[in-house]
Amino acid sequence: MTPKERLQRTLAHQPVDHLPTQINYTHAMGQKMAARFDVALDDLPEFLGNHLLRVDLSYDARVSADGKWKYDWWGVGFDVEEEGYYAAYNPLAESKDLDAFPWPDPHEPQLMDEAAAKIAADGGQHFIVPNFGWALFERAWSLRGFDTLLLEMALDPIWVEELLERVTEIQLILIERFIGLGVDGGYFGDDYGAQANLLFSPAMWQTMIKPRLKRLFQPFLEAGLPVMMHSDGQIARILPDLVEIGLTALNPVQPEVLDHAWLKNAFGDRLAYYGGISTQTVLPHGTPLEVREATEKCIATLAPNKTGLIVAPSHRMMTDISMENVAALLKMVSSQ
């Protein structure tokens, strides 16, 4: 099987020759791994046996005058000194005037150039998805500010829904363009949970976010394509809703907050999984033996029939993970 075929069958809970794998990493961690395993940085995904290929928008990246922020397509400034993601500049922080905001144009012809080139170069080998990280709620708070938006969801819900609607309309245009390029599925990132609970009430999520997220899923589902979604934290209370609106595979499957046995018992083959090996605990703080044991347990629980799971770290691996633990993980995933 090609990586694409293997992953497609896995998401459909069909038999595969072995479970697909996907090991993502920060740029700094990629440099460390490339040096450790004597592999060119560009060749690292192939060396790791990755099955997914995510494609992004093409645009001219800008940086702040002091070089500390890099602006994304929406105008949000991310701190370049952070290994993870930190939205240091929120362009709507000082204004609620949505008509005056310079919204990016999803019809710009060059936006798909890099994605089209990657799809053509891949030749159908990998499972390709457009990267809709910061898809809806996260996109709204990145524009307005995290604390501010959470307050306004309670105090000014009409304005928040208008902001979410503006984001949704832009994303829908981009989704249709990516589907037109021939992607193999959808990938969304939108964190709804903290370590112990949701960031807001289930009712608030069901009112403000669920209907719009359903609209974002729908073009992929209508095209017969699966939908994967990343959402951190304890989101058990809204997982049935996500399955209801068409979620195919859940990421990151954090073992600290979502019990793997409960997930499998609750959803059976209605949901596939991507992730499950913790970048919070076992990978940065465990021993190689503990990494092997955690990987074995993840597979046994979420993929008892040897399908329905993309074996992966829960999140991008960062430089707090030792090379010994990386090697232990690679040995485990290569034996599946």
C-alpha atoms as a PDB file:
ATOM      1  CA  MET A   1       0.000   0.000   0.000  1.00  0.00           C
ATOM      2  CA  THR A   2       1.058   3.571  -0.571  1.00  0.00           C
ATOM      3  CA  PRO A   3       0.945   5.847   2.485  1.00  0.00           C
ATOM      4  CA  LYS A   4      -2.187   7.441   1.015  1.00  0.00           C
ATOM      5  CA  GLU A   5      -3.972   4.124   0.559  1.00  0.00           C
ATOM      6  CA  ARG A   6      -2.956   2.926   4.012  1.00  0.00           C
ATOM      7  CA  LEU A   7      -4.221   6.056   5.705  1.00  0.00           C
ATOM      8  CA  GLN A   8      -7.477   6.124   3.728  1.00  0.00           C
ATOM      9  CA  ARG A   9      -8.228   2.546   4.745  1.00  0.00           C
ATOM     10  CA  THR A  10      -7.269   3.226   8.346  1.00  0.00           C
ATOM     11  CA  LEU A  11      -9.680   6.152   8.620  1.00  0.00           C
ATOM     12  CA  ALA A  12     -12.425   3.883   7.270  1.00  0.00           C
ATOM     13  CA  HIS A  13     -11.536   1.113   9.771  1.00  0.00           C
ATOM     14  CA  GLN A  14     -10.594  -1.221   6.930  1.00  0.00           C
ATOM     15  CA  PRO A  15      -7.726  -3.761   7.160  1.00  0.00           C
ATOM     16  CA  VAL A  16      -4.212  -2.452   6.504  1.00  0.00           C
ATOM     17  CA  ASP A  17      -0.794  -4.068   6.240  1.00  0.00           C
ATOM     18  CA  HIS A  18       0.382  -1.974   9.184  1.00  0.00           C
ATOM     19  CA  LEU A  19      -0.803   1.114  11.028  1.00  0.00           C
ATOM     20  CA  PRO A  20       0.108   4.462   9.460  1.00  0.00           C
ATOM     21  CA  THR A  21       2.338   6.822  11.411  1.00  0.00           C
ATOM     22  CA  GLN A  22       2.863  10.557  11.557  1.00  0.00           C
ATOM     23  CA  ILE A  23       5.604  12.280  13.551  1.00  0.00           C
ATOM     24  CA  ASN A  24       5.404  16.059  13.545  1.00  0.00           C
ATOM     25  CA  TYR A  25       7.958  18.372  15.114  1.00  0.00           C
ATOM     26  CA  THR A  26       8.951  21.986  15.564  1.00  0.00           C
ATOM     27  CA  HIS A  27      11.643  23.455  13.339  1.00  0.00           C
ATOM     28  CA  ALA A  28      14.161  23.393  16.204  1.00  0.00           C
ATOM     29  CA  MET A  29      13.349  19.754  16.973  1.00  0.00           C
ATOM     30  CA  GLY A  30      13.591  18.894  13.283  1.00  0.00           C
ATOM     31  CA  GLN A  31      17.122  20.273  13.212  1.00  0.00           C
ATOM     32  CA  LYS A  32      18.092  18.173  16.245  1.00  0.00           C
ATOM     33  CA  MET A  33      16.624  14.991  14.766  1.00  0.00           C
ATOM     34  CA  ALA A  34      18.169  15.584  11.343  1.00  0.00           C
ATOM     35  CA  ALA A  35      21.599  15.947  12.985  1.00  0.00           C
ATOM     36  CA  ARG A  36      21.074  12.930  15.256  1.00  0.00           C
ATOM     37  CA  PHE A  37      19.975  10.598  12.465  1.00  0.00           C
ATOM     38  CA  ASP A  38      22.243  12.113   9.786  1.00  0.00           C
ATOM     39  CA  VAL A  39      19.348  13.003   7.496  1.00  0.00           C
ATOM     40  CA  ALA A  40      18.780  16.181   5.497  1.00  0.00           C
ATOM     41  CA  LEU A  41      16.062  18.306   7.095  1.00  0.00           C
ATOM     42  CA  ASP A  42      13.940  18.164   3.938  1.00  0.00           C
ATOM     43  CA  ASP A  43      14.187  14.354   3.935  1.00  0.00           C
ATOM     44  CA  LEU A  44      13.164  13.954   7.568  1.00  0.00           C
ATOM     45  CA  PRO A  45       9.410  13.312   6.959  1.00  0.00           C
ATOM     46  CA  GLU A  46      10.265  10.432   4.613  1.00  0.00           C
ATOM     47  CA  PHE A  47      12.832   9.053   7.080  1.00  0.00           C
ATOM     48  CA  LEU A  48      10.202   9.132   9.838  1.00  0.00           C
ATOM     49  CA  GLY A  49       7.681   7.293   7.670  1.00  0.00           C
ATOM     50  CA  ASN A  50       5.095  10.075   7.701  1.00  0.00           C
ATOM     51  CA  HIS A  51       1.839   9.491   5.831  1.00  0.00           C
ATOM     52  CA  LEU A  52       0.232  12.925   5.989  1.00  0.00           C
ATOM     53  CA  LEU A  53       1.240  15.920   3.897  1.00  0.00           C
ATOM     54  CA  ARG A  54      -0.318  19.222   4.917  1.00  0.00           C
ATOM     55  CA  VAL A  55      -0.472  22.091   2.458  1.00  0.00           C
ATOM     56  CA  ASP A  56      -0.829  25.770   3.308  1.00  0.00           C
ATOM     57  CA  LEU A  57      -1.595  29.114   1.742  1.00  0.00           C
ATOM     58  CA  SER A  58       1.029  30.961  -0.308  1.00  0.00           C
ATOM     59  CA  TYR A  59       1.557  34.573   0.778  1.00  0.00           C
ATOM     60  CA  ASP A  60       4.379  36.987   1.501  1.00  0.00           C
ATOM     61  CA  ALA A  61       5.170  36.662   5.199  1.00  0.00           C
ATOM     62  CA  ARG A  62       5.797  39.927   7.045  1.00  0.00           C
ATOM     63  CA  VAL A  63       7.727  40.526  10.247  1.00  0.00           C
ATOM     64  CA  SER A  64       7.454  43.361  12.754  1.00  0.00           C
ATOM     65  CA  ALA A  65       9.956  46.216  12.671  1.00  0.00           C
ATOM     66  CA  ASP A  66      11.861  44.726  15.617  1.00  0.00           C
ATOM     67  CA  GLY A  67      11.799  41.250  14.071  1.00  0.00           C
ATOM     68  CA  LYS A  68      10.001  39.694  17.055  1.00  0.00           C
ATOM     69  CA  TRP A  69       6.679  38.909  15.387  1.00  0.00           C
ATOM     70  CA  LYS A  70       5.878  37.048  12.217  1.00  0.00           C
ATOM     71  CA  TYR A  71       2.466  37.844  10.793  1.00  0.00           C
ATOM     72  CA  ASP A  72       0.208  35.148   9.388  1.00  0.00           C
ATOM     73  CA  TRP A  73      -2.175  35.593   6.454  1.00  0.00           C
ATOM     74  CA  TRP A  74      -4.849  37.060   8.735  1.00  0.00           C
ATOM     75  CA  GLY A  75      -2.512  39.660  10.252  1.00  0.00           C
ATOM     76  CA  VAL A  76      -1.944  37.971  13.627  1.00  0.00           C
ATOM     77  CA  GLY A  77       1.615  38.410  14.911  1.00  0.00           C
ATOM     78  CA  PHE A  78       3.250  35.282  16.338  1.00  0.00           C
ATOM     79  CA  ASP A  79       6.302  35.475  18.600  1.00  0.00           C
ATOM     80  CA  VAL A  80       9.247  34.089  16.621  1.00  0.00           C
ATOM     81  CA  GLU A  81      11.202  33.340  19.809  1.00  0.00           C
ATOM     82  CA  GLU A  82       8.629  30.782  20.974  1.00  0.00           C
ATOM     83  CA  GLU A  83       9.098  27.143  19.955  1.00  0.00           C
ATOM     84  CA  GLY A  84       5.341  26.687  20.092  1.00  0.00           C
ATOM     85  CA  TYR A  85       2.610  29.131  19.062  1.00  0.00           C
ATOM     86  CA  TYR A  86       2.112  32.431  20.878  1.00  0.00           C
ATOM     87  CA  ALA A  87      -0.124  35.070  19.334  1.00  0.00           C
ATOM     88  CA  ALA A  88       1.647  38.190  20.569  1.00  0.00           C
ATOM     89  CA  TYR A  89      -0.252  40.661  18.392  1.00  0.00           C
ATOM     90  CA  ASN A  90      -4.024  40.597  17.953  1.00  0.00           C
ATOM     91  CA  PRO A  91      -5.066  43.003  15.179  1.00  0.00           C
ATOM     92  CA  LEU A  92      -8.633  43.468  16.472  1.00  0.00           C
ATOM     93  CA  ALA A  93      -7.538  44.006  20.070  1.00  0.00           C
ATOM     94  CA  GLU A  94      -8.318  47.733  20.013  1.00  0.00           C
ATOM     95  CA  SER A  95     -11.354  47.794  17.753  1.00  0.00           C
ATOM     96  CA  LYS A  96     -14.633  45.938  17.273  1.00  0.00           C
ATOM     97  CA  ASP A  97     -15.303  47.553  13.910  1.00  0.00           C
ATOM     98  CA  LEU A  98     -15.440  44.496  11.649  1.00  0.00           C
ATOM     99  CA  ASP A  99     -16.234  46.565   8.574  1.00  0.00           C
ATOM    100  CA  ALA A 100     -13.059  48.613   8.961  1.00  0.00           C
ATOM    101  CA  PHE A 101     -10.806  45.600   9.454  1.00  0.00           C
ATOM    102  CA  PRO A 102      -8.645  44.735   6.411  1.00  0.00           C
ATOM    103  CA  TRP A 103      -9.891  41.173   5.896  1.00  0.00           C
ATOM    104  CA  PRO A 104      -7.642  39.000   3.722  1.00  0.00           C
ATOM    105  CA  ASP A 105      -8.968  38.129   0.276  1.00  0.00           C
ATOM    106  CA  PRO A 106      -9.585  34.370  -0.122  1.00  0.00           C
ATOM    107  CA  HIS A 107      -9.910  34.820  -3.886  1.00  0.00           C
ATOM    108  CA  GLU A 108      -6.289  35.954  -4.378  1.00  0.00           C
ATOM    109  CA  PRO A 109      -5.022  33.840  -7.285  1.00  0.00           C
ATOM    110  CA  GLN A 110      -1.575  33.046  -5.855  1.00  0.00           C
ATOM    111  CA  LEU A 111      -2.867  31.589  -2.578  1.00  0.00           C
ATOM    112  CA  MET A 112      -2.903  28.042  -3.905  1.00  0.00           C
ATOM    113  CA  ASP A 113       0.417  28.102  -5.786  1.00  0.00           C
ATOM    114  CA  GLU A 114       2.533  26.254  -3.216  1.00  0.00           C
ATOM    115  CA  ALA A 115      -0.217  23.757  -2.432  1.00  0.00           C
ATOM    116  CA  ALA A 116      -0.749  22.951  -6.109  1.00  0.00           C
ATOM    117  CA  ALA A 117       2.989  22.443  -6.617  1.00  0.00           C
ATOM    118  CA  LYS A 118       3.265  20.097  -3.606  1.00  0.00           C
ATOM    119  CA  ILE A 119       0.273  18.048  -4.718  1.00  0.00           C
ATOM    120  CA  ALA A 120       1.718  17.671  -8.201  1.00  0.00           C
ATOM    121  CA  ALA A 121       5.184  16.781  -6.908  1.00  0.00           C
ATOM    122  CA  ASP A 122       3.801  14.145  -4.524  1.00  0.00           C
ATOM    123  CA  GLY A 123       2.204  12.187  -7.343  1.00  0.00           C
ATOM    124  CA  GLY A 124      -0.559  10.704  -5.202  1.00  0.00           C
ATOM    125  CA  GLN A 125       1.741   8.976  -2.711  1.00  0.00           C
ATOM    126  CA  HIS A 126       0.708  10.696   0.511  1.00  0.00           C
ATOM    127  CA  PHE A 127      -2.606  11.664   2.085  1.00  0.00           C
ATOM    128  CA  ILE A 128      -2.813  15.412   1.505  1.00  0.00           C
ATOM    129  CA  VAL A 129      -4.877  17.804   3.613  1.00  0.00           C
ATOM    130  CA  PRO A 130      -5.133  21.594   3.714  1.00  0.00           C
ATOM    131  CA  ASN A 131      -3.948  22.974   7.026  1.00  0.00           C
ATOM    132  CA  PHE A 132      -6.889  24.781   8.641  1.00  0.00           C
ATOM    133  CA  GLY A 133      -5.207  25.223  11.979  1.00  0.00           C
ATOM    134  CA  TRP A 134      -6.680  28.139  13.967  1.00  0.00           C
ATOM    135  CA  ALA A 135      -9.860  27.339  12.094  1.00  0.00           C
ATOM    136  CA  LEU A 136     -12.718  29.116  13.860  1.00  0.00           C
ATOM    137  CA  PHE A 137     -12.742  29.846  17.604  1.00  0.00           C
ATOM    138  CA  GLU A 138      -8.952  30.024  17.662  1.00  0.00           C
ATOM    139  CA  ARG A 139      -8.967  32.289  14.640  1.00  0.00           C
ATOM    140  CA  ALA A 140     -11.491  34.589  16.330  1.00  0.00           C
ATOM    141  CA  TRP A 141      -9.521  34.863  19.562  1.00  0.00           C
ATOM    142  CA  SER A 142      -6.218  35.250  17.733  1.00  0.00           C
ATOM    143  CA  LEU A 143      -7.721  38.315  16.052  1.00  0.00           C
ATOM    144  CA  ARG A 144      -9.343  39.790  19.170  1.00  0.00           C
ATOM    145  CA  GLY A 145      -7.316  38.366  22.078  1.00  0.00           C
ATOM    146  CA  PHE A 146      -7.938  35.205  24.103  1.00  0.00           C
ATOM    147  CA  ASP A 147      -9.205  36.638  27.417  1.00  0.00           C
ATOM    148  CA  THR A 148     -11.148  39.386  25.673  1.00  0.00           C
ATOM    149  CA  LEU A 149     -12.988  37.028  23.351  1.00  0.00           C
ATOM    150  CA  LEU A 150     -13.924  34.637  26.169  1.00  0.00           C
ATOM    151  CA  LEU A 151     -15.448  37.569  28.082  1.00  0.00           C
ATOM    152  CA  GLU A 152     -17.296  38.787  25.019  1.00  0.00           C
ATOM    153  CA  MET A 153     -18.761  35.339  24.331  1.00  0.00           C
ATOM    154  CA  ALA A 154     -20.752  35.961  27.511  1.00  0.00           C
ATOM    155  CA  LEU A 155     -21.135  39.749  27.409  1.00  0.00           C
ATOM    156  CA  ASP A 156     -21.505  40.481  23.682  1.00  0.00           C
ATOM    157  CA  PRO A 157     -22.441  37.210  21.961  1.00  0.00           C
ATOM    158  CA  ILE A 158     -24.035  38.918  18.949  1.00  0.00           C
ATOM    159  CA  TRP A 159     -20.725  40.596  18.045  1.00  0.00           C
ATOM    160  CA  VAL A 160     -18.775  37.370  18.628  1.00  0.00           C
ATOM    161  CA  GLU A 161     -21.121  35.477  16.323  1.00  0.00           C
ATOM    162  CA  GLU A 162     -20.628  38.122  13.639  1.00  0.00           C
ATOM    163  CA  LEU A 163     -16.853  37.726  13.986  1.00  0.00           C
ATOM    164  CA  LEU A 164     -17.168  33.945  13.762  1.00  0.00           C
ATOM    165  CA  GLU A 165     -19.383  34.337  10.716  1.00  0.00           C
ATOM    166  CA  ARG A 166     -16.816  36.512   8.924  1.00  0.00           C
ATOM    167  CA  VAL A 167     -14.155  33.886   9.611  1.00  0.00           C
ATOM    168  CA  THR A 168     -16.437  31.065   8.450  1.00  0.00           C
ATOM    169  CA  GLU A 169     -17.243  32.734   5.123  1.00  0.00           C
ATOM    170  CA  ILE A 170     -13.550  33.217   4.316  1.00  0.00           C
ATOM    171  CA  GLN A 171     -12.658  29.661   5.322  1.00  0.00           C
ATOM    172  CA  LEU A 172     -15.442  28.225   3.154  1.00  0.00           C
ATOM    173  CA  ILE A 173     -14.028  29.899   0.055  1.00  0.00           C
ATOM    174  CA  LEU A 174     -10.562  28.545   0.839  1.00  0.00           C
ATOM    175  CA  ILE A 175     -11.976  25.059   1.487  1.00  0.00           C
ATOM    176  CA  GLU A 176     -13.657  24.942  -1.921  1.00  0.00           C
ATOM    177  CA  ARG A 177     -10.416  26.018  -3.575  1.00  0.00           C
ATOM    178  CA  PHE A 178      -8.404  23.322  -1.788  1.00  0.00           C
ATOM    179  CA  ILE A 179     -10.948  20.653  -2.687  1.00  0.00           C
ATOM    180  CA  GLY A 180     -10.665  21.807  -6.284  1.00  0.00           C
ATOM    181  CA  LEU A 181      -6.932  21.095  -6.136  1.00  0.00           C
ATOM    182  CA  GLY A 182      -7.614  17.444  -5.279  1.00  0.00           C
ATOM    183  CA  VAL A 183      -6.825  17.160  -1.544  1.00  0.00           C
ATOM    184  CA  ASP A 184      -7.680  13.869   0.170  1.00  0.00           C
ATOM    185  CA  GLY A 185      -9.484  15.180   3.236  1.00  0.00           C
ATOM    186  CA  GLY A 186      -9.902  18.055   5.649  1.00  0.00           C
ATOM    187  CA  TYR A 187      -7.733  18.931   8.623  1.00  0.00           C
ATOM    188  CA  PHE A 188      -8.874  21.473  11.210  1.00  0.00           C
ATOM    189  CA  GLY A 189      -7.307  22.755  14.388  1.00  0.00           C
ATOM    190  CA  ASP A 190      -9.492  24.483  16.999  1.00  0.00           C
ATOM    191  CA  ASP A 191      -8.750  23.991  20.696  1.00  0.00           C
ATOM    192  CA  TYR A 192     -11.873  23.884  22.887  1.00  0.00           C
ATOM    193  CA  GLY A 193     -10.540  22.382  26.096  1.00  0.00           C
ATOM    194  CA  ALA A 194      -8.158  22.991  28.961  1.00  0.00           C
ATOM    195  CA  GLN A 195      -6.666  20.208  31.052  1.00  0.00           C
ATOM    196  CA  ALA A 196      -9.763  19.590  33.178  1.00  0.00           C
ATOM    197  CA  ASN A 197     -12.724  20.938  31.236  1.00  0.00           C
ATOM    198  CA  LEU A 198     -14.008  22.929  28.290  1.00  0.00           C
ATOM    199  CA  LEU A 199     -13.072  26.588  27.914  1.00  0.00           C
ATOM    200  CA  PHE A 200     -16.795  27.455  27.843  1.00  0.00           C
ATOM    201  CA  SER A 201     -20.102  25.721  28.449  1.00  0.00           C
ATOM    202  CA  PRO A 202     -21.254  23.022  26.042  1.00  0.00           C
ATOM    203  CA  ALA A 203     -24.356  25.146  25.347  1.00  0.00           C
ATOM    204  CA  MET A 204     -22.226  28.096  24.315  1.00  0.00           C
ATOM    205  CA  TRP A 205     -20.152  25.890  22.000  1.00  0.00           C
ATOM    206  CA  GLN A 206     -23.278  24.310  20.531  1.00  0.00           C
ATOM    207  CA  THR A 207     -24.788  27.738  19.840  1.00  0.00           C
ATOM    208  CA  MET A 208     -21.812  29.684  18.526  1.00  0.00           C
ATOM    209  CA  ILE A 209     -19.341  27.172  17.138  1.00  0.00           C
ATOM    210  CA  LYS A 210     -21.014  23.884  16.265  1.00  0.00           C
ATOM    211  CA  PRO A 211     -23.261  25.159  13.427  1.00  0.00           C
ATOM    212  CA  ARG A 212     -20.366  26.974  11.773  1.00  0.00           C
ATOM    213  CA  LEU A 213     -17.960  24.080  12.235  1.00  0.00           C
ATOM    214  CA  LYS A 214     -20.558  21.837  10.600  1.00  0.00           C
ATOM    215  CA  ARG A 215     -20.559  24.180   7.606  1.00  0.00           C
ATOM    216  CA  LEU A 216     -16.760  23.922   7.406  1.00  0.00           C
ATOM    217  CA  PHE A 217     -16.899  20.113   7.515  1.00  0.00           C
ATOM    218  CA  GLN A 218     -19.704  19.862   4.966  1.00  0.00           C
ATOM    219  CA  PRO A 219     -17.818  20.538   1.696  1.00  0.00           C
ATOM    220  CA  PHE A 220     -15.369  17.719   2.474  1.00  0.00           C
ATOM    221  CA  LEU A 221     -18.133  15.319   3.473  1.00  0.00           C
ATOM    222  CA  GLU A 222     -20.167  16.133   0.369  1.00  0.00           C
ATOM    223  CA  ALA A 223     -17.083  15.358  -1.719  1.00  0.00           C
ATOM    224  CA  GLY A 224     -16.770  11.971   0.027  1.00  0.00           C
ATOM    225  CA  LEU A 225     -13.645  13.034   1.919  1.00  0.00           C
ATOM    226  CA  PRO A 226     -12.839  12.356   5.604  1.00  0.00           C
ATOM    227  CA  VAL A 227     -12.426  15.110   8.176  1.00  0.00           C
ATOM    228  CA  MET A 228      -9.691  15.159  10.812  1.00  0.00           C
ATOM    229  CA  MET A 229      -9.643  17.617  13.665  1.00  0.00           C
ATOM    230  CA  HIS A 230      -7.182  18.642  16.364  1.00  0.00           C
ATOM    231  CA  SER A 231      -8.696  19.926  19.585  1.00  0.00           C
ATOM    232  CA  ASP A 232      -6.712  19.949  22.793  1.00  0.00           C
ATOM    233  CA  GLY A 233      -7.930  19.285  26.277  1.00  0.00           C
ATOM    234  CA  GLN A 234     -10.927  17.726  27.990  1.00  0.00           C
ATOM    235  CA  ILE A 235     -13.577  17.890  25.274  1.00  0.00           C
ATOM    236  CA  ALA A 236     -15.501  14.696  26.131  1.00  0.00           C
ATOM    237  CA  ARG A 237     -18.750  16.618  26.628  1.00  0.00           C
ATOM    238  CA  ILE A 238     -18.843  17.798  23.003  1.00  0.00           C
ATOM    239  CA  LEU A 239     -17.301  14.764  21.310  1.00  0.00           C
ATOM    240  CA  PRO A 240     -20.736  13.295  20.474  1.00  0.00           C
ATOM    241  CA  ASP A 241     -21.552  16.591  18.749  1.00  0.00           C
ATOM    242  CA  LEU A 242     -18.343  16.446  16.721  1.00  0.00           C
ATOM    243  CA  VAL A 243     -19.119  12.906  15.611  1.00  0.00           C
ATOM    244  CA  GLU A 244     -22.681  13.975  14.787  1.00  0.00           C
ATOM    245  CA  ILE A 245     -21.510  16.708  12.398  1.00  0.00           C
ATOM    246  CA  GLY A 246     -19.165  14.346  10.595  1.00  0.00           C
ATOM    247  CA  LEU A 247     -15.806  14.142  12.360  1.00  0.00           C
ATOM    248  CA  THR A 248     -13.835  11.159  11.026  1.00  0.00           C
ATOM    249  CA  ALA A 249     -10.668  11.249  13.146  1.00  0.00           C
ATOM    250  CA  LEU A 250      -9.776  12.999  16.395  1.00  0.00           C
ATOM    251  CA  ASN A 251      -6.356  14.396  17.267  1.00  0.00           C
ATOM    252  CA  PRO A 252      -4.408  14.643  19.628  1.00  0.00           C
ATOM    253  CA  VAL A 253      -6.090  11.990  21.851  1.00  0.00           C
ATOM    254  CA  GLN A 254      -4.222  13.239  24.927  1.00  0.00           C
ATOM    255  CA  PRO A 255      -4.051  10.310  27.378  1.00  0.00           C
ATOM    256  CA  GLU A 256      -3.876  12.728  30.343  1.00  0.00           C
ATOM    257  CA  VAL A 257      -7.345  14.120  29.610  1.00  0.00           C
ATOM    258  CA  LEU A 258      -9.207  11.701  27.319  1.00  0.00           C
ATOM    259  CA  ASP A 259      -9.244   8.106  28.521  1.00  0.00           C
ATOM    260  CA  HIS A 260      -8.460   5.878  25.565  1.00  0.00           C
ATOM    261  CA  ALA A 261     -10.587   2.962  26.785  1.00  0.00           C
ATOM    262  CA  TRP A 262     -13.577   5.271  27.267  1.00  0.00           C
ATOM    263  CA  LEU A 263     -13.135   6.658  23.745  1.00  0.00           C
ATOM    264  CA  LYS A 264     -13.100   3.211  22.177  1.00  0.00           C
ATOM    265  CA  ASN A 265     -16.052   2.003  24.228  1.00  0.00           C
ATOM    266  CA  ALA A 266     -18.084   5.152  23.587  1.00  0.00           C
ATOM    267  CA  PHE A 267     -17.534   5.521  19.866  1.00  0.00           C
ATOM    268  CA  GLY A 268     -16.425   2.141  18.552  1.00  0.00           C
ATOM    269  CA  ASP A 269     -15.730   2.370  14.829  1.00  0.00           C
ATOM    270  CA  ARG A 270     -17.621   5.663  14.447  1.00  0.00           C
ATOM    271  CA  LEU A 271     -14.403   7.553  15.176  1.00  0.00           C
ATOM    272  CA  ALA A 272     -10.781   7.051  14.166  1.00  0.00           C
ATOM    273  CA  TYR A 273      -7.821   8.500  16.046  1.00  0.00           C
ATOM    274  CA  TYR A 274      -4.577  10.310  15.299  1.00  0.00           C
ATOM    275  CA  GLY A 275      -2.010  10.715  18.058  1.00  0.00           C
ATOM    276  CA  GLY A 276      -2.210   9.250  21.539  1.00  0.00           C
ATOM    277  CA  ILE A 277       1.449   9.206  22.660  1.00  0.00           C
ATOM    278  CA  SER A 278       1.894  12.063  25.077  1.00  0.00           C
ATOM    279  CA  THR A 279       4.232  14.964  24.408  1.00  0.00           C
ATOM    280  CA  GLN A 280       3.212  16.297  27.830  1.00  0.00           C
ATOM    281  CA  THR A 281       4.452  13.442  30.005  1.00  0.00           C
ATOM    282  CA  VAL A 282       5.944  10.242  28.646  1.00  0.00           C
ATOM    283  CA  LEU A 283       7.936  11.552  25.679  1.00  0.00           C
ATOM    284  CA  PRO A 284       9.709  14.443  27.462  1.00  0.00           C
ATOM    285  CA  HIS A 285       9.872  12.922  30.955  1.00  0.00           C
ATOM    286  CA  GLY A 286       9.692   9.141  30.579  1.00  0.00           C
ATOM    287  CA  THR A 287      12.327   6.529  29.860  1.00  0.00           C
ATOM    288  CA  PRO A 288      12.689   4.740  26.506  1.00  0.00           C
ATOM    289  CA  LEU A 289      11.010   1.714  28.104  1.00  0.00           C
ATOM    290  CA  GLU A 290       8.087   3.856  29.213  1.00  0.00           C
ATOM    291  CA  VAL A 291       7.799   5.289  25.689  1.00  0.00           C
ATOM    292  CA  ARG A 292       7.597   1.759  24.284  1.00  0.00           C
ATOM    293  CA  GLU A 293       5.011   0.727  26.877  1.00  0.00           C
ATOM    294  CA  ALA A 294       2.882   3.837  26.251  1.00  0.00           C
ATOM    295  CA  THR A 295       2.946   3.211  22.507  1.00  0.00           C
ATOM    296  CA  GLU A 296       1.965  -0.435  22.951  1.00  0.00           C
ATOM    297  CA  LYS A 297      -0.900   0.537  25.266  1.00  0.00           C
ATOM    298  CA  CYS A 298      -2.152   3.230  22.891  1.00  0.00           C
ATOM    299  CA  ILE A 299      -2.251   0.797  19.972  1.00  0.00           C
ATOM    300  CA  ALA A 300      -3.834  -2.018  21.978  1.00  0.00           C
ATOM    301  CA  THR A 301      -6.608   0.260  23.256  1.00  0.00           C
ATOM    302  CA  LEU A 302      -7.408   2.477  20.262  1.00  0.00           C
ATOM    303  CA  ALA A 303      -6.607  -0.024  17.492  1.00  0.00           C
ATOM    304  CA  PRO A 304      -7.438  -3.511  18.812  1.00  0.00           C
ATOM    305  CA  ASN A 305      -8.253  -4.571  15.240  1.00  0.00           C
ATOM    306  CA  LYS A 306      -5.016  -3.004  13.922  1.00  0.00           C
ATOM    307  CA  THR A 307      -6.814  -0.201  12.100  1.00  0.00           C
ATOM    308  CA  GLY A 308      -8.550   3.085  12.943  1.00  0.00           C
ATOM    309  CA  LEU A 309      -5.429   4.743  14.392  1.00  0.00           C
ATOM    310  CA  ILE A 310      -2.646   6.922  13.023  1.00  0.00           C
ATOM    311  CA  VAL A 311       0.161   6.223  15.496  1.00  0.00           C
ATOM    312  CA  ALA A 312       1.710   9.545  16.459  1.00  0.00           C
ATOM    313  CA  PRO A 313       2.882  11.815  19.229  1.00  0.00           C
ATOM    314  CA  SER A 314      -0.064  13.789  20.553  1.00  0.00           C
ATOM    315  CA  HIS A 315       1.473  17.079  19.391  1.00  0.00           C
ATOM    316  CA  ARG A 316       4.485  18.324  17.500  1.00  0.00           C
ATOM    317  CA  MET A 317       7.590  17.059  19.239  1.00  0.00           C
ATOM    318  CA  MET A 318       9.663  19.809  20.850  1.00  0.00           C
ATOM    319  CA  THR A 319      13.255  20.030  21.963  1.00  0.00           C
ATOM    320  CA  ASP A 320      12.455  18.898  25.514  1.00  0.00           C
ATOM    321  CA  ILE A 321      12.234  15.319  24.189  1.00  0.00           C
ATOM    322  CA  SER A 322      15.470  13.332  24.308  1.00  0.00           C
ATOM    323  CA  MET A 323      16.878  11.645  21.243  1.00  0.00           C
ATOM    324  CA  GLU A 324      16.801   8.345  23.154  1.00  0.00           C
ATOM    325  CA  ASN A 325      13.041   8.651  23.510  1.00  0.00           C
ATOM    326  CA  VAL A 326      12.698   9.646  19.865  1.00  0.00           C
ATOM    327  CA  ALA A 327      14.651   6.528  18.891  1.00  0.00           C
ATOM    328  CA  ALA A 328      12.419   4.382  21.126  1.00  0.00           C
ATOM    329  CA  LEU A 329       9.317   5.839  19.487  1.00  0.00           C
ATOM    330  CA  LEU A 330      10.683   5.297  15.995  1.00  0.00           C
ATOM    331  CA  LYS A 331      11.510   1.687  16.797  1.00  0.00           C
ATOM    332  CA  MET A 332       7.968   1.092  18.032  1.00  0.00           C
ATOM    333  CA  VAL A 333       6.147   2.750  15.125  1.00  0.00           C
ATOM    334  CA  SER A 334       8.347   1.076  12.511  1.00  0.00           C
ATOM    335  CA  SER A 335       7.413  -2.333  13.915  1.00  0.00           C
ATOM    336  CA  GLN A 336       3.663  -1.846  13.543  1.00  0.00           C
END
